[in-house]
Amino acid sequence: MVWDQKPQPSYHDLVDVAGIVNANGYTRHWNAFAGEPYLVNPNAQHGKPATIVYSDPQSIAERTRLIRMLGLRGAMAWELSQDSNDHALIGALGPVLN
């Protein structure tokens, strides 16, 4: 008897994601409702599709604009170690929150 393997989630930092945007069969899309980018590859592994949802400077900037628009007093970041070496995500917070 053979069981289908349940797909396991994997985690990628911004450097990993930046390396595959519009490469290796992945195309970037934008979810306007969520304000979040995602990558889709219809044939990622063994002909099965893969989707990677991630944050980038554009999505962080949209969130910070929402913070300003709603008159909120700050932002909280859950995880900072997944940022790029040039701190692109953290850098997207600064211009709007200062």
N, C-alpha and C. Protein backbone atom coordinates (compact mmCIF):
# COMPACT_ATOMS: atom_id res chain seq x y z
N MET A 1 0.85 -1.17 0.00
CA MET A 1 0.00 0.00 0.00
C MET A 1 0.90 1.24 0.00
N VAL A 2 0.58 2.20 -0.85
CA VAL A 2 1.34 3.43 -0.94
C VAL A 2 0.45 4.59 -0.52
N TRP A 3 0.96 5.39 0.38
CA TRP A 3 0.23 6.56 0.85
C TRP A 3 0.74 7.79 0.14
N ASP A 4 -0.17 8.68 -0.18
CA ASP A 4 0.25 9.97 -0.73
C ASP A 4 0.91 10.76 0.38
N GLN A 5 2.01 11.38 0.06
CA GLN A 5 2.66 12.22 1.06
C GLN A 5 1.93 13.54 1.18
N LYS A 6 1.72 13.95 2.40
CA LYS A 6 1.12 15.26 2.64
C LYS A 6 2.20 16.31 2.43
N PRO A 7 1.91 17.35 1.63
CA PRO A 7 2.92 18.39 1.42
C PRO A 7 3.30 19.06 2.74
N GLN A 8 4.56 19.29 2.92
CA GLN A 8 5.05 19.96 4.12
C GLN A 8 5.35 21.42 3.79
N PRO A 9 4.91 22.33 4.64
CA PRO A 9 5.24 23.74 4.39
C PRO A 9 6.74 23.95 4.55
N SER A 10 7.25 24.88 3.81
CA SER A 10 8.65 25.26 3.97
C SER A 10 8.72 26.76 4.14
N TYR A 11 9.82 27.24 4.65
CA TYR A 11 9.96 28.65 4.96
C TYR A 11 11.15 29.21 4.20
N HIS A 12 10.94 30.36 3.60
CA HIS A 12 11.97 31.01 2.80
C HIS A 12 12.15 32.43 3.31
N ASP A 13 13.39 32.88 3.38
CA ASP A 13 13.59 34.28 3.74
C ASP A 13 13.52 35.12 2.47
N LEU A 14 13.58 36.43 2.63
CA LEU A 14 13.42 37.33 1.50
C LEU A 14 14.51 37.12 0.46
N VAL A 15 15.71 36.76 0.88
CA VAL A 15 16.80 36.50 -0.07
C VAL A 15 16.46 35.29 -0.94
N ASP A 16 15.93 34.23 -0.33
CA ASP A 16 15.52 33.05 -1.10
C ASP A 16 14.46 33.41 -2.13
N VAL A 17 13.45 34.13 -1.69
CA VAL A 17 12.33 34.48 -2.56
C VAL A 17 12.81 35.39 -3.69
N ALA A 18 13.64 36.37 -3.39
CA ALA A 18 14.13 37.29 -4.41
C ALA A 18 14.87 36.54 -5.51
N GLY A 19 15.50 35.43 -5.17
CA GLY A 19 16.25 34.66 -6.15
C GLY A 19 15.39 33.87 -7.12
N ILE A 20 14.11 33.68 -6.80
CA ILE A 20 13.25 32.91 -7.70
C ILE A 20 12.10 33.71 -8.29
N VAL A 21 11.99 34.99 -7.97
CA VAL A 21 10.93 35.81 -8.56
C VAL A 21 11.15 35.85 -10.07
N ASN A 22 10.14 35.45 -10.81
CA ASN A 22 10.18 35.41 -12.27
C ASN A 22 11.33 34.57 -12.81
N ALA A 23 11.69 33.50 -12.09
CA ALA A 23 12.73 32.56 -12.53
C ALA A 23 12.29 31.14 -12.19
N ASN A 24 12.88 30.19 -12.82
CA ASN A 24 12.61 28.77 -12.54
C ASN A 24 11.13 28.42 -12.60
N GLY A 25 10.39 29.10 -13.47
CA GLY A 25 8.97 28.80 -13.61
C GLY A 25 8.05 29.53 -12.65
N TYR A 26 8.59 30.30 -11.72
CA TYR A 26 7.78 31.06 -10.77
C TYR A 26 7.44 32.43 -11.36
N THR A 27 6.19 32.83 -11.26
CA THR A 27 5.79 34.17 -11.67
C THR A 27 5.19 34.89 -10.47
N ARG A 28 5.48 36.17 -10.39
CA ARG A 28 5.01 36.99 -9.28
C ARG A 28 3.60 37.50 -9.58
N HIS A 29 2.76 37.46 -8.58
CA HIS A 29 1.40 37.98 -8.67
C HIS A 29 1.17 38.87 -7.45
N TRP A 30 0.13 39.70 -7.52
CA TRP A 30 -0.19 40.61 -6.43
C TRP A 30 -1.64 40.41 -6.04
N ASN A 31 -1.88 40.16 -4.76
CA ASN A 31 -3.23 40.06 -4.22
C ASN A 31 -3.60 41.44 -3.70
N ALA A 32 -4.39 42.18 -4.47
CA ALA A 32 -4.73 43.56 -4.11
C ALA A 32 -5.57 43.61 -2.84
N PHE A 33 -6.38 42.60 -2.59
CA PHE A 33 -7.21 42.60 -1.39
C PHE A 33 -6.35 42.45 -0.14
N ALA A 34 -5.38 41.54 -0.19
CA ALA A 34 -4.51 41.30 0.97
C ALA A 34 -3.32 42.25 0.99
N GLY A 35 -3.01 42.88 -0.15
CA GLY A 35 -1.83 43.73 -0.22
C GLY A 35 -0.55 42.92 -0.06
N GLU A 36 -0.51 41.76 -0.70
CA GLU A 36 0.58 40.82 -0.50
C GLU A 36 0.98 40.18 -1.83
N PRO A 37 2.28 40.04 -2.07
CA PRO A 37 2.72 39.34 -3.28
C PRO A 37 2.73 37.83 -3.06
N TYR A 38 2.67 37.11 -4.16
CA TYR A 38 2.84 35.66 -4.08
C TYR A 38 3.43 35.15 -5.39
N LEU A 39 4.12 34.04 -5.31
CA LEU A 39 4.72 33.41 -6.48
C LEU A 39 3.96 32.13 -6.79
N VAL A 40 3.80 31.85 -8.07
CA VAL A 40 3.13 30.61 -8.49
C VAL A 40 4.02 29.92 -9.52
N ASN A 41 4.18 28.63 -9.33
CA ASN A 41 4.85 27.78 -10.32
C ASN A 41 3.92 26.60 -10.55
N PRO A 42 3.32 26.51 -11.75
CA PRO A 42 2.36 25.44 -11.99
C PRO A 42 2.98 24.04 -12.03
N ASN A 43 4.29 23.96 -12.19
CA ASN A 43 4.96 22.65 -12.29
C ASN A 43 6.19 22.60 -11.39
N ALA A 44 6.04 22.98 -10.15
CA ALA A 44 7.20 23.11 -9.26
C ALA A 44 7.88 21.78 -8.96
N GLN A 45 7.14 20.82 -8.48
CA GLN A 45 7.73 19.53 -8.12
C GLN A 45 6.87 18.41 -8.70
N HIS A 46 7.49 17.62 -9.54
CA HIS A 46 6.80 16.47 -10.13
C HIS A 46 5.50 16.88 -10.79
N GLY A 47 5.51 18.05 -11.44
CA GLY A 47 4.33 18.52 -12.15
C GLY A 47 3.23 19.07 -11.28
N LYS A 48 3.50 19.23 -9.99
CA LYS A 48 2.49 19.76 -9.07
C LYS A 48 2.74 21.25 -8.83
N PRO A 49 1.67 22.02 -8.69
CA PRO A 49 1.85 23.47 -8.50
C PRO A 49 2.38 23.82 -7.12
N ALA A 50 3.00 24.98 -7.05
CA ALA A 50 3.49 25.51 -5.77
C ALA A 50 3.16 26.99 -5.71
N THR A 51 2.78 27.44 -4.53
CA THR A 51 2.51 28.85 -4.27
C THR A 51 3.33 29.27 -3.07
N ILE A 52 3.99 30.42 -3.19
CA ILE A 52 4.76 30.98 -2.08
C ILE A 52 4.21 32.38 -1.82
N VAL A 53 3.68 32.58 -0.63
CA VAL A 53 3.18 33.89 -0.22
C VAL A 53 4.24 34.50 0.68
N TYR A 54 4.55 35.76 0.46
CA TYR A 54 5.64 36.39 1.20
C TYR A 54 5.40 37.88 1.35
N SER A 55 6.18 38.52 2.18
CA SER A 55 6.15 39.97 2.32
C SER A 55 7.35 40.54 1.60
N ASP A 56 7.16 41.72 1.02
CA ASP A 56 8.26 42.42 0.37
C ASP A 56 8.15 43.90 0.73
N PRO A 57 9.09 44.73 0.31
CA PRO A 57 9.01 46.15 0.67
C PRO A 57 7.71 46.82 0.23
N GLN A 58 7.15 46.41 -0.91
CA GLN A 58 5.89 47.00 -1.37
C GLN A 58 4.75 46.66 -0.41
N SER A 59 4.67 45.42 0.03
CA SER A 59 3.58 45.04 0.94
C SER A 59 3.76 45.67 2.32
N ILE A 60 5.00 45.79 2.78
CA ILE A 60 5.26 46.47 4.06
C ILE A 60 4.88 47.94 3.96
N ALA A 61 5.22 48.57 2.84
CA ALA A 61 4.86 49.98 2.64
C ALA A 61 3.34 50.16 2.65
N GLU A 62 2.61 49.23 2.04
CA GLU A 62 1.14 49.32 2.07
C GLU A 62 0.61 49.22 3.49
N ARG A 63 1.18 48.34 4.28
CA ARG A 63 0.75 48.21 5.67
C ARG A 63 1.05 49.47 6.47
N THR A 64 2.20 50.06 6.23
CA THR A 64 2.54 51.26 6.98
C THR A 64 1.65 52.43 6.56
N ARG A 65 1.25 52.48 5.29
CA ARG A 65 0.30 53.52 4.87
C ARG A 65 -1.04 53.33 5.58
N LEU A 66 -1.45 52.08 5.74
CA LEU A 66 -2.70 51.79 6.46
C LEU A 66 -2.59 52.23 7.91
N ILE A 67 -1.44 51.99 8.52
CA ILE A 67 -1.21 52.43 9.90
C ILE A 67 -1.41 53.94 10.01
N ARG A 68 -0.83 54.67 9.09
CA ARG A 68 -0.98 56.14 9.09
C ARG A 68 -2.43 56.54 8.87
N MET A 69 -3.06 55.92 7.86
CA MET A 69 -4.43 56.28 7.51
C MET A 69 -5.39 56.06 8.68
N LEU A 70 -5.17 54.99 9.44
CA LEU A 70 -6.04 54.68 10.57
C LEU A 70 -5.64 55.41 11.85
N GLY A 71 -4.54 56.15 11.78
CA GLY A 71 -4.09 56.89 12.95
C GLY A 71 -3.55 56.01 14.06
N LEU A 72 -3.05 54.83 13.70
CA LEU A 72 -2.49 53.94 14.71
C LEU A 72 -1.15 54.47 15.18
N ARG A 73 -0.68 53.99 16.31
CA ARG A 73 0.51 54.58 16.92
C ARG A 73 1.79 53.80 16.71
N GLY A 74 1.75 52.77 15.88
CA GLY A 74 2.97 52.02 15.64
C GLY A 74 2.72 50.74 14.89
N ALA A 75 3.77 49.95 14.79
CA ALA A 75 3.71 48.67 14.10
C ALA A 75 4.44 47.62 14.93
N MET A 76 4.09 46.37 14.73
CA MET A 76 4.75 45.27 15.41
C MET A 76 5.24 44.31 14.34
N ALA A 77 6.47 43.86 14.47
CA ALA A 77 7.01 42.86 13.54
C ALA A 77 7.19 41.56 14.30
N TRP A 78 6.67 40.49 13.75
CA TRP A 78 6.74 39.20 14.41
C TRP A 78 8.13 38.60 14.30
N GLU A 79 8.73 38.71 13.14
CA GLU A 79 10.01 38.05 12.89
C GLU A 79 10.89 38.95 12.02
N LEU A 80 12.07 39.26 12.48
CA LEU A 80 12.97 40.15 11.74
C LEU A 80 14.09 39.40 11.04
N SER A 81 14.36 38.17 11.41
CA SER A 81 15.52 37.46 10.86
C SER A 81 15.32 37.01 9.42
N GLN A 82 14.11 37.11 8.90
CA GLN A 82 13.86 36.69 7.51
C GLN A 82 14.05 37.83 6.51
N ASP A 83 14.46 38.98 6.98
CA ASP A 83 14.70 40.13 6.11
C ASP A 83 15.96 39.90 5.28
N SER A 84 16.14 40.69 4.24
CA SER A 84 17.35 40.60 3.41
C SER A 84 18.52 41.26 4.14
N ASN A 85 19.72 41.04 3.63
CA ASN A 85 20.91 41.59 4.27
C ASN A 85 20.93 43.11 4.27
N ASP A 86 20.24 43.73 3.32
CA ASP A 86 20.18 45.20 3.29
C ASP A 86 18.98 45.74 4.07
N HIS A 87 18.28 44.86 4.78
CA HIS A 87 17.15 45.23 5.65
C HIS A 87 16.04 45.94 4.87
N ALA A 88 15.70 45.39 3.71
CA ALA A 88 14.69 46.01 2.84
C ALA A 88 13.31 46.09 3.50
N LEU A 89 12.94 45.07 4.28
CA LEU A 89 11.62 45.09 4.91
C LEU A 89 11.55 46.11 6.04
N ILE A 90 12.55 46.09 6.89
CA ILE A 90 12.58 47.07 7.99
C ILE A 90 12.70 48.48 7.42
N GLY A 91 13.48 48.63 6.37
CA GLY A 91 13.64 49.93 5.73
C GLY A 91 12.34 50.48 5.16
N ALA A 92 11.44 49.59 4.75
CA ALA A 92 10.15 50.03 4.21
C ALA A 92 9.26 50.62 5.29
N LEU A 93 9.51 50.28 6.55
CA LEU A 93 8.72 50.83 7.66
C LEU A 93 9.09 52.28 7.96
N GLY A 94 10.36 52.59 7.90
CA GLY A 94 10.88 53.87 8.35
C GLY A 94 10.25 55.12 7.76
N PRO A 95 10.22 55.26 6.44
CA PRO A 95 9.72 56.51 5.85
C PRO A 95 8.28 56.84 6.22
N VAL A 96 7.49 55.83 6.48
CA VAL A 96 6.08 56.09 6.78
C VAL A 96 5.85 56.30 8.26
N LEU A 97 6.61 55.62 9.10
CA LEU A 97 6.36 55.70 10.54
C LEU A 97 7.14 56.80 11.24
N ASN A 98 8.12 57.37 10.59
CA ASN A 98 8.88 58.46 11.24
C ASN A 98 8.14 59.77 11.16
